[in-house]
Amino acid sequence: MPLNLFAILTAAFAVAVSVTPVEVIAQSVPSFNDPQPQQYRLTARASELDPRCQSHPEIGFVLESKPGVPADIEHASVDTRVKPRGKLVIWLMGHNQRFFEHLASYGLHAIQPHYANRWFSKIDGEKRDDGTSLGNVRLEAATGEDHSPLIHLAKPDGLAQRSIQMVKWLAETDPEGKWGQFLSDDRSDLRWDKVILSGISHGSTTSARFAKHQKVARVVMFSGPRDQYETWHGFPSATPENRYFGFTHVLDAGWVGDHYCRSWQMLGLAEFGPLVNVDGASAPYGNSRRLITNSDVDNDSGRAHGVVISGAAWPDVWRYLFTHPVEETGDPVPFDEDCTMDLRAK
């Protein structure tokens, strides 16, 4: 056999044996062939997609806010004019259409499922803040499985199952959007290796907690996570630590109180670069996973909490958070001694 042909066949064999079927699936991104390319914005009620859905008024998780007024509307967006990246953002917390338009412009699919996120003030504070219960409640809200005695959900009411049902509906309703790529072969589950979990505040925290349990492609955390009296942030993670990204304003009460910096430390993000202030900086921000801003918010901590997903100031930051290659990381930095880890002692 000629030497050059042998080399070609050897290289081809090496590629074949080094890429598993799962990796091939993860790398497969169907192209759009929409005869009328456009940005699709779709909505549906969770209870119409899955009649098994139930209301849980004891934790503020209901299908109707009052008779005839739906509370379980879910949102989705994709732009078939943009080259797809083959990633599905599951957004936790309220729908933000402008933010979704940016995600779609990056070639991302995005959905916002209706899930339990109003339980915090409904649960007895003494039981809720015992140092272990919050993470368990979040995990039950995510999976619909029995992880906590403080709430009682079934699988159809977990964000995972509601996301599955929504993507199944989208695959049928919007075939031009190629939503079916995110479903398993038997359509019973999502291809979690193509999922980006993301949210702000409560949703940021639930995203991180679920990603500890379920391996996903990436986690993008705005203004969070909290659960500052718990230790689940340091649990072994199904999702590799380099796949977690955080962004917050330094006047946010959660940052001032060291809640977020504590979470980021416990998630191991200091291994991937220093804190980077994005003001005046440009991507890739030293390949860091910990981004901050001190942009003008009139010294308003409430405004600071939400500004990181509002306005037109952050498209480059958002693009970095959602699309930067996870294997490209900054250099490890020492523990941040200015960050208080034992917040109960404060």
Foldseek 3Di string as FASTA:
>chain_A
DDPVVVVVVVVVVVVVVVADPLNVLLQDDDAFPDPDWAKDKDKDFLCVLPVVDQADVLQPQHQAPDPPHGPFMKMKIATNVEGAPLAEEAEEDDDDVVLRVLCNNLRYIYMYGRWRQRRPVSFPPCVCLVAPAVLQVLQCRAQVDPRHPRDHGHRSRHVQNSVLSVLVVCCVVPVSRVSCSQADPVSPGGSQQRYEQEYAESSLQSSLSVQQVDAHNAYEYELDDASQSYQSLQPRRPHDLLRYAYEFECLAPCNVLLRHVLSCVSSPQLQFDDEAECVVNAPPRQQGRHYYYHDDPVSDNVCRRPVQSDDDPDSRVVSNSVPPPSVRGHHHDDDDPVRDRNSVVD
